[in-house]
Protein backbone atom coordinates (compact mmCIF):
# COMPACT_ATOMS: atom_id res chain seq x y z
CA UNK A 1 -16.52 0.62 -12.65
CA UNK A 2 -18.22 -2.50 -11.26
CA UNK A 3 -18.93 -3.42 -7.66
CA UNK A 4 -19.30 -6.80 -6.01
CA UNK A 5 -20.87 -7.78 -2.68
CA UNK A 6 -18.30 -9.70 -0.65
CA UNK A 7 -19.01 -10.59 2.94
CA UNK A 8 -19.99 -7.39 4.73
CA UNK A 9 -19.02 -4.88 2.06
CA UNK A 10 -19.75 -3.49 -1.38
CA UNK A 11 -16.37 -3.55 -3.06
CA UNK A 12 -15.58 -1.26 -5.96
CA UNK A 13 -12.98 -2.57 -8.43
CA UNK A 14 -11.65 -2.41 -11.97
CA UNK A 15 -9.89 -5.07 -14.05
CA UNK A 16 -8.13 -4.84 -17.39
CA UNK A 17 -5.41 -6.62 -19.34
CA UNK A 18 -4.59 -10.31 -19.58
CA UNK A 19 -2.04 -12.68 -18.12
CA UNK A 20 -0.98 -13.33 -14.55
CA UNK A 21 -3.16 -11.18 -12.24
CA UNK A 22 -1.65 -8.27 -10.31
CA UNK A 23 -3.81 -6.77 -7.57
CA UNK A 24 -2.85 -3.21 -6.57
CA UNK A 25 -3.71 -2.11 -3.02
CA UNK A 26 -3.75 1.62 -2.25
CA UNK A 27 -2.54 3.55 0.79
CA UNK A 28 -4.32 5.60 3.44
CA UNK A 29 -4.57 8.80 1.39
CA UNK A 30 -5.29 7.09 -1.92
CA UNK A 31 -7.81 4.87 -3.63
CA UNK A 32 -7.95 2.71 -6.75
CA UNK A 33 -7.57 5.96 -8.73
CA UNK A 34 -4.06 6.42 -7.36
CA UNK A 35 -2.70 3.69 -9.65
CA UNK A 36 -3.49 5.59 -12.88
CA UNK A 37 0.20 5.54 -13.89
CA UNK A 38 0.58 1.79 -13.29
CA UNK A 39 -2.49 0.13 -14.80
CA UNK A 40 -1.94 1.16 -18.46
CA UNK A 41 1.70 0.09 -18.17
CA UNK A 42 1.23 -3.33 -16.57
CA UNK A 43 -2.00 -4.21 -18.41
CA UNK A 44 0.10 -4.77 -21.53
CA UNK A 45 1.43 -8.00 -19.97
CA UNK A 46 -0.70 -8.76 -16.92
CA UNK A 47 -4.29 -8.81 -15.74
CA UNK A 48 -4.43 -5.71 -13.51
CA UNK A 49 -6.97 -5.19 -10.75
CA UNK A 50 -7.45 -2.17 -8.51
CA UNK A 51 -9.95 -2.01 -5.68
CA UNK A 52 -10.96 0.39 -2.94
CA UNK A 53 -10.91 -0.54 0.72
CA UNK A 54 -14.37 0.13 2.23
CA UNK A 55 -14.45 3.79 3.23
CA UNK A 56 -12.05 4.67 0.44
CA UNK A 57 -13.15 5.58 -3.06
CA UNK A 58 -16.52 4.02 -3.90
CA UNK A 59 -16.36 0.97 -1.59
CA UNK A 60 -18.36 0.82 1.63
CA UNK A 61 -19.12 -1.43 4.56
CA UNK A 62 -22.72 -2.65 4.64
CA UNK A 63 -22.66 -3.16 8.41
CA UNK A 64 -19.94 -3.65 11.03
CA UNK A 65 -16.43 -3.07 9.60
CA UNK A 66 -14.05 -6.02 9.61
CA UNK A 67 -10.53 -6.78 8.49
CA UNK A 68 -9.83 -5.95 4.85
CA UNK A 69 -7.81 -9.14 4.41
CA UNK A 70 -11.05 -11.11 4.65
CA UNK A 71 -12.59 -9.03 1.87
CA UNK A 72 -9.47 -9.33 -0.24
CA UNK A 73 -9.57 -13.10 0.04
CA UNK A 74 -13.28 -13.14 -0.87
CA UNK A 75 -12.58 -10.90 -3.86
CA UNK A 76 -9.81 -13.21 -5.12
CA UNK A 77 -12.19 -16.15 -4.75
CA UNK A 78 -14.85 -14.22 -6.66
CA UNK A 79 -12.40 -13.72 -9.53
CA UNK A 80 -11.27 -17.34 -9.35
CA UNK A 81 -7.60 -16.37 -9.16
CA UNK A 82 -5.51 -19.19 -7.73
CA UNK A 83 -2.14 -17.49 -8.28
CA UNK A 84 -1.43 -13.78 -8.41
CA UNK A 85 0.89 -10.90 -7.52
CA UNK A 86 0.12 -8.34 -4.81
CA UNK A 87 1.49 -4.80 -5.15
CA UNK A 88 0.72 -2.82 -2.01
CA UNK A 89 1.48 0.75 -0.98
CA UNK A 90 1.63 1.91 2.65
CA UNK A 91 -1.68 0.96 4.33
CA UNK A 92 -2.27 -1.64 1.61
CA UNK A 93 0.74 -3.52 2.96
CA UNK A 94 -1.19 -4.65 6.03
CA UNK A 95 -3.74 -6.63 4.02
CA UNK A 96 -1.13 -7.79 1.50
CA UNK A 97 1.11 -9.23 4.20
CA UNK A 98 -1.75 -10.89 6.09
CA UNK A 99 -3.08 -12.38 2.83
CA UNK A 100 0.36 -13.72 1.95
CA UNK A 101 0.80 -15.29 5.39
CA UNK A 102 -2.69 -16.77 5.18
CA UNK A 103 -2.18 -18.40 1.77
CA UNK A 104 1.47 -18.17 0.65
CA UNK A 105 1.03 -20.68 -2.15
CA UNK A 106 -1.45 -18.37 -3.82
CA UNK A 107 0.86 -15.35 -3.92
CA UNK A 108 3.37 -15.64 -6.75
CA UNK A 109 5.18 -12.48 -5.66
CA UNK A 110 4.75 -9.59 -3.26
CA UNK A 111 5.73 -5.94 -3.75
CA UNK A 112 5.69 -3.77 -0.64
CA UNK A 113 5.92 -0.06 -1.40
CA UNK A 114 6.76 2.33 1.44
CA UNK A 115 5.16 0.18 4.11
CA UNK A 116 6.06 -1.52 7.37
CA UNK A 117 2.87 -3.60 7.08
CA UNK A 118 2.24 -3.71 10.82
CA UNK A 119 5.29 -5.85 11.64
CA UNK A 120 5.96 -5.38 15.36
CA UNK A 121 9.76 -5.46 15.20
CA UNK A 122 11.46 -3.23 17.81
CA UNK A 123 13.74 -1.69 15.16
CA UNK A 124 10.74 -0.65 13.08
CA UNK A 125 8.81 0.73 16.02
CA UNK A 126 11.78 2.84 17.09
CA UNK A 127 12.02 4.38 13.62
CA UNK A 128 8.31 5.16 13.62
CA UNK A 129 8.48 6.74 17.06
CA UNK A 130 11.42 8.90 16.03
CA UNK A 131 9.60 10.24 12.96
CA UNK A 132 6.36 11.01 14.83
CA UNK A 133 7.06 14.70 15.67
CA UNK A 134 7.94 15.54 12.06
CA UNK A 135 4.92 13.66 10.72
CA UNK A 136 2.50 15.28 13.17
CA UNK A 137 3.89 18.74 12.39
CA UNK A 138 3.57 18.21 8.63
CA UNK A 139 0.05 16.82 8.95
CA UNK A 140 -1.03 19.71 11.19
CA UNK A 141 0.40 22.29 8.80
CA UNK A 142 -1.40 20.63 5.89
CA UNK A 143 -4.75 20.63 7.67
CA UNK A 144 -4.32 24.29 8.65
CA UNK A 145 -3.47 25.20 5.02
CA UNK A 146 -0.24 26.89 6.05
CA UNK A 147 1.93 28.43 3.31
CA UNK A 148 4.33 25.84 1.94
CA UNK A 149 2.41 22.96 3.55
CA UNK A 150 2.18 19.63 1.75
CA UNK A 151 0.32 16.38 2.13
CA UNK A 152 2.73 14.09 4.03
CA UNK A 153 1.81 11.11 1.87
CA UNK A 154 3.24 13.01 -1.09
CA UNK A 155 6.12 14.94 0.46
CA UNK A 156 7.67 18.37 0.14
CA UNK A 157 9.58 17.60 -3.07
CA UNK A 158 6.48 16.49 -4.97
CA UNK A 159 4.58 19.58 -3.82
CA UNK A 160 7.47 21.79 -4.94
CA UNK A 161 8.53 20.09 -8.18
CA UNK A 162 5.26 18.48 -9.34
CA UNK A 163 2.49 20.73 -7.98
CA UNK A 164 -0.12 19.44 -10.43
CA UNK A 165 0.50 15.86 -9.34
CA UNK A 166 0.41 16.90 -5.67
CA UNK A 167 -2.92 18.65 -6.29
CA UNK A 168 -4.33 15.54 -7.97
CA UNK A 169 -3.21 13.27 -5.13
CA UNK A 170 -4.78 15.60 -2.56
CA UNK A 171 -8.01 15.70 -4.57
CA UNK A 172 -8.17 11.89 -4.68
CA UNK A 173 -7.62 11.80 -0.92
CA UNK A 174 -10.43 14.30 -0.34
CA UNK A 175 -12.97 11.84 -1.79
CA UNK A 176 -12.35 9.30 0.97
CA UNK A 177 -14.74 9.18 3.90
CA UNK A 178 -15.60 7.09 6.97
CA UNK A 179 -12.75 4.73 7.91
CA UNK A 180 -10.40 6.66 5.65
CA UNK A 181 -10.88 9.76 7.79
CA UNK A 182 -10.33 7.84 11.03
CA UNK A 183 -7.30 5.84 9.91
CA UNK A 184 -4.88 7.87 12.04
CA UNK A 185 -6.99 7.77 15.21
CA UNK A 186 -5.75 5.73 18.16
CA UNK A 187 -7.40 4.21 21.21
CA UNK A 188 -6.57 4.99 24.84
CA UNK A 189 -3.60 2.65 24.70
CA UNK A 190 -2.20 4.42 21.64
CA UNK A 191 -3.06 1.58 19.25
CA UNK A 192 -4.54 1.97 15.78
CA UNK A 193 -7.74 0.23 14.69
CA UNK A 194 -7.00 -3.51 14.56
CA UNK A 195 -9.18 -4.04 11.51
CA UNK A 196 -7.33 -1.40 9.51
CA UNK A 197 -3.91 -2.15 10.98
CA UNK A 198 -3.63 -5.81 12.00
CA UNK A 199 -0.34 -6.53 13.76
CA UNK A 200 2.16 -9.16 12.65
CA UNK A 201 4.67 -10.73 14.99
CA UNK A 202 8.11 -11.00 13.35
CA UNK A 203 8.11 -14.68 14.31
CA UNK A 204 5.35 -15.23 11.74
CA UNK A 205 7.84 -14.36 9.00
CA UNK A 206 10.21 -17.24 9.77
CA UNK A 207 10.59 -19.51 6.76
CA UNK A 208 9.43 -16.78 4.39
CA UNK A 209 9.57 -18.12 0.83
CA UNK A 210 7.46 -15.76 -1.29
CA UNK A 211 9.50 -13.66 -3.78
CA UNK A 212 9.35 -10.14 -2.31
CA UNK A 213 10.44 -6.68 -3.40
CA UNK A 214 10.50 -3.80 -0.90
CA UNK A 215 10.63 -0.25 -2.30
CA UNK A 216 11.39 2.89 -0.32
CA UNK A 217 11.75 6.58 -1.11
CA UNK A 218 14.91 7.96 0.45
CA UNK A 219 13.11 11.15 1.56
CA UNK A 220 10.14 9.31 3.06
CA UNK A 221 9.45 10.31 6.66
CA UNK A 222 6.02 8.64 6.85
CA UNK A 223 7.64 5.19 6.71
CA UNK A 224 11.39 5.86 7.07
CA UNK A 225 13.76 3.92 4.79
CA UNK A 226 15.37 2.17 7.76
CA UNK A 227 11.98 0.73 8.70
CA UNK A 228 11.58 -0.66 5.19
CA UNK A 229 15.13 -2.05 5.39
CA UNK A 230 14.14 -3.99 8.49
CA UNK A 231 11.04 -5.33 6.76
CA UNK A 232 13.22 -6.66 3.93
CA UNK A 233 15.69 -8.24 6.36
CA UNK A 234 12.88 -10.09 8.12
CA UNK A 235 11.69 -11.65 4.86
CA UNK A 236 14.10 -14.29 3.64
CA UNK A 237 15.40 -13.43 0.17
CA UNK A 238 13.54 -10.12 -0.11
CA UNK A 239 15.06 -7.47 -2.35
CA UNK A 240 15.29 -3.84 -1.23
CA UNK A 241 15.30 -0.90 -3.63
CA UNK A 242 15.66 2.72 -2.51
CA UNK A 243 14.68 5.57 -4.81
CA UNK A 244 16.55 8.85 -4.36
CA UNK A 245 14.93 12.30 -4.33
CA UNK A 246 11.56 10.73 -3.58
CA UNK A 247 9.11 10.82 -0.68
CA UNK A 248 6.48 8.38 0.54
CA UNK A 249 4.65 7.67 -2.73
CA UNK A 250 7.33 6.34 -5.06
CA UNK A 251 4.75 4.83 -7.44
CA UNK A 252 3.12 8.24 -7.83
CA UNK A 253 6.14 10.56 -7.77
CA UNK A 254 8.51 8.44 -9.88
CA UNK A 255 6.14 6.19 -11.86
CA UNK A 256 8.56 5.24 -14.64
CA UNK A 257 11.20 4.15 -12.16
CA UNK A 258 8.68 2.33 -9.99
CA UNK A 259 7.13 0.52 -12.94
CA UNK A 260 10.52 -0.58 -14.26
CA UNK A 261 11.61 -1.84 -10.84
CA UNK A 262 8.46 -3.89 -10.39
CA UNK A 263 8.40 -5.27 -13.93
CA UNK A 264 12.07 -6.23 -13.79
CA UNK A 265 11.47 -8.00 -10.50
CA UNK A 266 8.49 -9.91 -11.88
CA UNK A 267 10.03 -11.00 -15.18
CA UNK A 268 13.20 -12.25 -13.48
CA UNK A 269 11.13 -14.54 -11.26
CA UNK A 270 10.96 -17.36 -13.81
CA UNK A 271 8.16 -19.18 -12.05
CA UNK A 272 5.88 -16.19 -12.72
CA UNK A 273 6.07 -16.47 -16.49
C-alpha cells in the first residue's frame, strides 16, 4: 500500500473503486485493515479510501505529533477531492467532525459510528462517566488475560459468538504503537491528549446542515447508545440507527447490516448521486 508525506507525517493509505469518494477513518483499537468488510462492498459504487492515523498501522509522525484533522485535510488536498463522504468509527469521529466543521461544503455526508466525537455536551459526559467503571474493569481484565476477558472495543458477544473475528480484531490492534498505545492516557487534569481528542463545543453544531447518520450498537458500553443519541440530537436532521445484539464495533460485528444502513443512507441523499 502506498504512503504519502503530508505535513509532519508519513501517511499510509489505500484507494480502490470509482465514483464519489468515501474516506473511512478507524477507531482507537483498529487501523485501515479494520475496514476489510466494507471496502470490497462499497468499492463497487464509490471510490473508497482507508488510511492509518500516525501511530496506527503503518503511518508515523516524522517529528512532533499534531492534530490528525490537519493531516486529513492535507490528504484530501493531495487526492484533489473537492466533495466526499466521511465514515468514521469511534476515535475517527474526532477528526471527521472537526473536518466537517472546518469545511462543511466539502463533506457530502457524514457517518458517525459508535462515537461521541469529543462533543462536550453535559448529557454525553454524564453517560461516559457512568460507564467508566465497567470499561476500566473490562480493559483491565483483557490486559491481564483473565478467563472470559474480551477486548472492550469488540465486546463480550463478539468474543463469545465470533471468536475468530475477535481474534483478528485483537491482532490488528496489537500492531499499533506509539500514540495508539497512549490514546487512553490522561493528564493531571484528567483530560485526554488534545491532538488525538480535540474537543467540540455543542454551540459549534448550531446550523448543522451536512447529511449525517449516527450508528450505535445497543450493547456498546464504550460509547453508550444514549451518548450517540445526544450526538444525533445536536446535529440538525441527523438520523440515528441502533443495532441490536451488537457492541462497540457495529461495522466489524454486523458488517452486512452496517453496510446496508450506510449505503441506503447515501443513495437516498439525492445530491450525492
